[in-house]
Each structure stands twice: as C-alpha cells, then as structure tokens.
Amino acid sequence: MIEIFRDLPHYITSNGIDYEINTQFNVWLEIIEYLSNNKMSDTDKLICLLMHGYKNDIPPDINDAVNGLFYFLSRGKQTSDSSGEALISFSQDEGLIYSAFLQQYHIDLFESDLHWWKFLYLLDALDENTSFMKIISYRSVDPGKIKDPDKKKFYRKLKNKYSLHHTIDEHKVAQALDDI
C-alpha cells in the first residue's frame, strides 16, 4: 500500500505485543543528538535511544527494540552505507530549519508536535528559495569539478563557511548493537 494512505506508526510490535513509541519530531531530534554525541559511549547512546524512543515499556528483546526504533528513525527505509558527505546537522541547522518551516509551511516548530515522519516529509519538500536549502546546495557542491577559478574560489568559500562540525557515526552505533 502507498505509505500516504496508511496510518503513521505509533508503536513497534515485538513478539506480538505493541509497544508505544514517542513520535514527536523534537524527541527524535534529541535522540539524533544523543547518537551524534562523540563523548557518550555507544552503550549510553543505545540506552538513551531506548529510554526516549519508547513512551512506557521497552520490548524485552533488545534487538527488536533497537531495530524497531532505527526503522522508525529512518522512516521505514533501509539505511545506506553511503560514505557520502553529510549535508545536514539538525543541531547546527536548527535555526535554518525552523525558519524554513515557518517561511514555507507557516509551521512554528516550537509550538508543534509533528509526527517524526511528517516532519521528514516536509523537510524533504522544502524548496530552494529557503536559506536552509541554499546552504544545503552550497555544502553539496564539489568545487574541484568547477573549471572557472573565480566560481571555484566562491564555492570553496561558501562550502567552508557552511560546513558541518560533526555527524552521526552509524557504524559505531551498529557495532554497539552487535555487542549487546
């Protein structure tokens, strides 16, 4: 069935039992912050994921519990092992994202309890007229492929100005899951 025509998920099923999850976008932005924190151990990151991802009870099968939350985090899509450059940091870009949602959708994210998947759908659909999407385009440019020296210098300067400070190490989180 086409995703838009079904209910958005609000629980994870493990061993035939439904476990209610937190679906608000701001909870998942906080979870991403935990997962991105290089000062936290991988075990602590997983504990934060479980404690914040579930509303009440956590499935006793930890693999199911964690895999279900990563499924939800990724909007039900397979995560790729792409080594491509990260273009978004929710913490670094929070003001830009807030402004873009207000500009394009008239949604005040400080007063919203959007479902995580709705938030991601809207984020994906932001148009290039928002400052956020302009900055994403600067980050995605490969100045090495630009022949004109002035344009190359211009895009290197913008890419450097808007570069990201840190990103999630999904491989470390996956390794921590394997260690449990």
Protein backbone atom coordinates (compact mmCIF):
# COMPACT_ATOMS: atom_id res chain seq x y z
CA MET A 1 0.00 0.00 0.00
CA ILE A 2 1.16 3.51 -0.71
CA GLU A 3 2.55 4.99 2.52
CA ILE A 4 0.49 8.17 2.47
CA PHE A 5 -2.74 6.18 2.57
CA ARG A 6 -1.99 4.33 5.78
CA ASP A 7 -1.72 5.47 9.36
CA LEU A 8 1.62 6.71 10.55
CA PRO A 9 3.24 4.33 13.05
CA HIS A 10 2.81 4.96 16.76
CA TYR A 11 4.09 1.65 18.08
CA ILE A 12 6.62 -1.11 17.49
CA THR A 13 5.46 -4.73 17.54
CA SER A 14 7.77 -7.24 19.19
CA ASN A 15 6.77 -10.87 19.78
CA GLY A 16 3.13 -10.00 19.04
CA ILE A 17 2.97 -7.15 21.58
CA ASP A 18 2.66 -3.47 20.63
CA TYR A 19 4.99 -1.01 22.38
CA GLU A 20 4.09 2.66 22.12
CA ILE A 21 6.82 4.94 20.82
CA ASN A 22 7.36 8.67 21.06
CA THR A 23 6.52 10.05 17.65
CA GLN A 24 7.07 13.80 18.11
CA PHE A 25 9.78 15.17 15.85
CA ASN A 26 11.50 17.04 18.68
CA VAL A 27 12.04 13.80 20.62
CA TRP A 28 13.74 12.28 17.57
CA LEU A 29 15.89 15.35 17.05
CA GLU A 30 17.02 14.92 20.65
CA ILE A 31 17.71 11.22 20.02
CA ILE A 32 19.81 12.14 17.00
CA GLU A 33 21.79 14.49 19.23
CA TYR A 34 22.49 11.62 21.62
CA LEU A 35 23.54 9.36 18.76
CA SER A 36 25.82 12.12 17.43
CA ASN A 37 27.50 12.80 20.77
CA ASN A 38 31.10 11.58 20.46
CA LYS A 39 31.59 11.97 24.22
CA MET A 40 28.97 9.33 25.05
CA SER A 41 29.75 5.62 24.94
CA ASP A 42 27.89 3.55 22.37
CA THR A 43 26.12 1.72 25.18
CA ASP A 44 24.93 5.02 26.67
CA LYS A 45 23.69 6.08 23.24
CA LEU A 46 21.63 2.91 22.95
CA ILE A 47 20.22 3.40 26.46
CA CYS A 48 19.16 6.95 25.52
CA LEU A 49 17.62 5.66 22.30
CA LEU A 50 15.55 3.11 24.20
CA MET A 51 14.59 5.41 27.09
CA HIS A 52 13.49 8.28 24.83
CA GLY A 53 12.20 6.24 21.90
CA TYR A 54 9.60 4.32 23.87
CA LYS A 55 6.81 6.02 25.82
CA ASN A 56 6.41 3.38 28.51
CA ASP A 57 7.56 -0.21 28.28
CA ILE A 58 10.56 -1.33 26.25
CA PRO A 59 10.38 -4.68 24.43
CA PRO A 60 12.37 -7.33 26.31
CA ASP A 61 14.00 -8.43 23.04
CA ILE A 62 16.63 -5.67 22.84
CA ASN A 63 17.45 -6.38 19.18
CA ASP A 64 13.76 -5.98 18.27
CA ALA A 65 13.54 -2.87 20.43
CA VAL A 66 16.55 -1.15 18.86
CA ASN A 67 15.85 -2.31 15.29
CA GLY A 68 12.26 -1.08 15.59
CA LEU A 69 13.42 2.36 16.67
CA PHE A 70 16.01 2.57 13.88
CA TYR A 71 13.26 1.54 11.44
CA PHE A 72 11.13 4.39 12.79
CA LEU A 73 14.04 6.85 12.80
CA SER A 74 14.76 6.08 9.14
CA ARG A 75 11.09 6.39 8.18
CA GLY A 76 10.93 2.71 7.39
CA LYS A 77 13.65 2.90 4.76
CA GLN A 78 16.85 0.93 4.58
CA THR A 79 19.80 2.99 5.70
CA SER A 80 22.57 3.06 3.16
CA ASP A 81 26.22 2.58 3.89
CA SER A 82 26.99 5.55 1.69
CA SER A 83 30.18 7.29 2.61
CA GLY A 84 28.85 10.47 1.04
CA GLU A 85 29.32 13.77 2.76
CA ALA A 86 26.67 14.67 5.34
CA LEU A 87 24.74 17.77 4.32
CA ILE A 88 22.51 18.33 7.37
CA SER A 89 23.12 18.67 11.08
CA PHE A 90 19.88 19.11 12.98
CA SER A 91 21.68 20.84 15.85
CA GLN A 92 23.79 23.14 13.69
CA ASP A 93 20.96 23.87 11.26
CA GLU A 94 18.11 24.18 13.78
CA GLY A 95 17.56 27.91 13.21
CA LEU A 96 17.60 27.48 9.44
CA ILE A 97 15.18 24.55 9.60
CA TYR A 98 12.87 26.47 11.94
CA SER A 99 12.89 29.48 9.60
CA ALA A 100 12.34 27.34 6.51
CA PHE A 101 9.28 25.61 8.04
CA LEU A 102 7.87 28.96 9.13
CA GLN A 103 8.57 30.53 5.72
CA GLN A 104 7.24 27.74 3.54
CA TYR A 105 4.59 25.98 5.66
CA HIS A 106 3.74 28.59 8.29
CA ILE A 107 4.51 25.96 10.92
CA ASP A 108 6.10 27.19 14.13
CA LEU A 109 8.18 24.18 15.17
CA PHE A 110 8.45 25.49 18.73
CA GLU A 111 4.69 25.10 19.05
CA SER A 112 4.27 21.94 17.01
CA ASP A 113 4.09 18.27 17.90
CA LEU A 114 4.52 16.98 14.35
CA HIS A 115 4.94 13.26 13.89
CA TRP A 116 8.58 12.45 13.05
CA TRP A 117 7.67 11.07 9.63
CA LYS A 118 5.55 14.14 8.77
CA PHE A 119 8.46 16.35 9.79
CA LEU A 120 10.78 14.41 7.48
CA TYR A 121 8.31 14.51 4.58
CA LEU A 122 8.06 18.29 4.94
CA LEU A 123 11.82 18.64 5.33
CA ASP A 124 12.31 16.68 2.09
CA ALA A 125 9.91 19.00 0.26
CA LEU A 126 11.47 22.34 1.23
CA ASP A 127 12.06 24.39 -1.87
CA GLU A 128 15.30 26.03 -2.93
CA ASN A 129 14.08 29.51 -2.00
CA THR A 130 14.66 28.88 1.70
CA SER A 131 18.02 29.82 3.18
CA PHE A 132 18.33 26.30 4.54
CA MET A 133 18.11 24.69 1.09
CA LYS A 134 20.52 27.27 -0.38
CA ILE A 135 23.07 26.32 2.28
CA ILE A 136 22.49 22.62 1.60
CA SER A 137 23.23 23.28 -2.06
CA TYR A 138 26.49 25.06 -1.13
CA ARG A 139 27.51 22.08 1.01
CA SER A 140 26.80 19.67 -1.84
CA VAL A 141 28.92 21.44 -4.45
CA ASP A 142 32.23 19.83 -5.36
CA PRO A 143 34.47 22.84 -6.08
CA GLY A 144 37.06 20.51 -7.64
CA LYS A 145 34.69 19.95 -10.55
CA ILE A 146 34.31 23.67 -11.29
CA LYS A 147 36.59 24.91 -14.06
CA ASP A 148 36.19 28.67 -13.61
CA PRO A 149 38.75 29.78 -10.96
CA ASP A 150 36.54 32.59 -9.59
CA LYS A 151 33.50 30.33 -9.21
CA LYS A 152 35.67 27.61 -7.69
CA LYS A 153 37.00 30.09 -5.11
CA PHE A 154 33.48 31.39 -4.45
CA TYR A 155 32.03 27.92 -3.81
CA ARG A 156 35.01 26.81 -1.71
CA LYS A 157 34.47 29.85 0.50
CA LEU A 158 30.72 29.12 0.86
CA LYS A 159 31.31 25.41 1.43
CA ASN A 160 33.85 26.21 4.14
CA LYS A 161 31.59 28.83 5.74
CA TYR A 162 28.62 26.45 5.97
CA SER A 163 30.48 23.20 6.67
CA LEU A 164 29.23 20.83 9.35
CA HIS A 165 31.04 20.39 12.63
CA HIS A 166 30.06 16.76 13.36
CA THR A 167 27.92 13.91 12.05
CA ILE A 168 26.42 10.64 13.32
CA ASP A 169 28.70 7.60 13.15
CA GLU A 170 26.06 4.99 12.26
CA HIS A 171 28.71 2.28 12.07
CA LYS A 172 29.66 2.81 15.74
CA VAL A 173 26.02 2.62 16.79
CA ALA A 174 25.54 -0.57 14.76
CA GLN A 175 28.64 -2.06 16.34
CA ALA A 176 27.32 -1.25 19.83
CA LEU A 177 24.08 -3.03 18.92
CA ASP A 178 26.05 -6.09 17.85
CA ASP A 179 27.93 -6.04 21.18
CA ILE A 180 24.71 -6.32 23.20
